[in-house]
């Protein structure tokens, strides 16, 4: 059974759009608009990250001889297996994304928001890489 990656495709595209608009207004004097766009980028990161991890697990389950083993894997092991399988390029970056994802509920703190924003460009690049691999592997 092939994975339907439409939801991830939409999330990646939307995150790219949000990030582009955020970058356009980053130097704006309109603080409220800046914070609204910042919150949108952080939420888009959060959502796209969660979807990405689910799709990594699903793809590995589909190609595994024993899908139960994939379901039982801890996050770090799953990411290493995904890298070995060529789904992602750099496991250490995904470990960092997880750390940043775990602080997204604290982004009312400006420093934590900046911490999350510091990785969104790299994450978007890696999410696009993952999406391209998923499309390639799931298109007849």
Foldseek 3Di string as FASTA:
>chain_A
DADDCVVLVVLLVVLVVLVVVLVVCVVPPPVVVNVVSLLVNLVSLLVNLVVLQVVLLVVCLVPDPHSVVSVPDDPLVSLVVCCVVVLFPDSVLNVQSVVLSVCSVVVVPVVSSVSNVVCSVVVSVRSVSNVVVSCVVRPD
